[in-house]
């Protein structure tokens, strides 16, 4: 009987599944961000990790490249702890597309929804008062970093770096209200899909459709490809109105700075 490919060997094609395309693309983005922005990168067959040097947990990401057996997970996590401890000791997160057992040395951030939208479509008109511009230079990236404070989070100033725009397939947009950067979103276009990232809106500008407008800009970064994003539970209805479907839940762990 023929043995079927499981889709997660190193030589499996990125297009084996949309989930694989997303994971490979996300791992490649982390690795390239580290190279062009002067960060530190860890890579092995199981994971890719980025230490960008800022105490912003979502800037220091690690992702599992493939399912890891429960018995092997502690050794992998120990390797990642050593990698981050050897740098500036920043907070970091580990993303898994699969359920994992409890990791005693990390805290559970949650099981964020992973959503999918088919290719194509057209964005609705922008909400009144909102101006959307793509960040194309250092000034644009400074505004992007200010808008990203709407997460809310500290350490977002690491994104005020025009070198980030050198990452293959990476684009970011900023939403302005009365000349102030109040919302943002980004997209990483890979071989399989558009990965929508960094959607944020300042608290005083919420409830006016600004987040959705910026998400539309990122979603249609390449309208020939489907788009995916990691949502919050409250954000799911917003994305559903844009045509996103609730696909599955991922697993996200965090580690505090040392």
Foldseek 3Di string as FASTA:
>chain_A
DDDDDPQQFPPRDCVPDLVLVVLVLVLLLQVVCCVLQVWDWDDDSFKIWTDNPFQWAVNTEMETSGDDDQVCVQVVVVVVQVVCVVPQQHKYKYWYQDDYPDDVQWAWPDWFWKKKFFFDDDDDDDFPQKDKDKQQALVSQCLLLVQLCQVVDPRSNSSSDNSSVVRPQKIKMFIDGPRHGFWIWIWRDTPAAIEIDSTGGHPVPPPRCPSVNRSNVSQVPPRNHMYMYTDHVVCVVVVVVVRMDGDGIITMIMHHGD
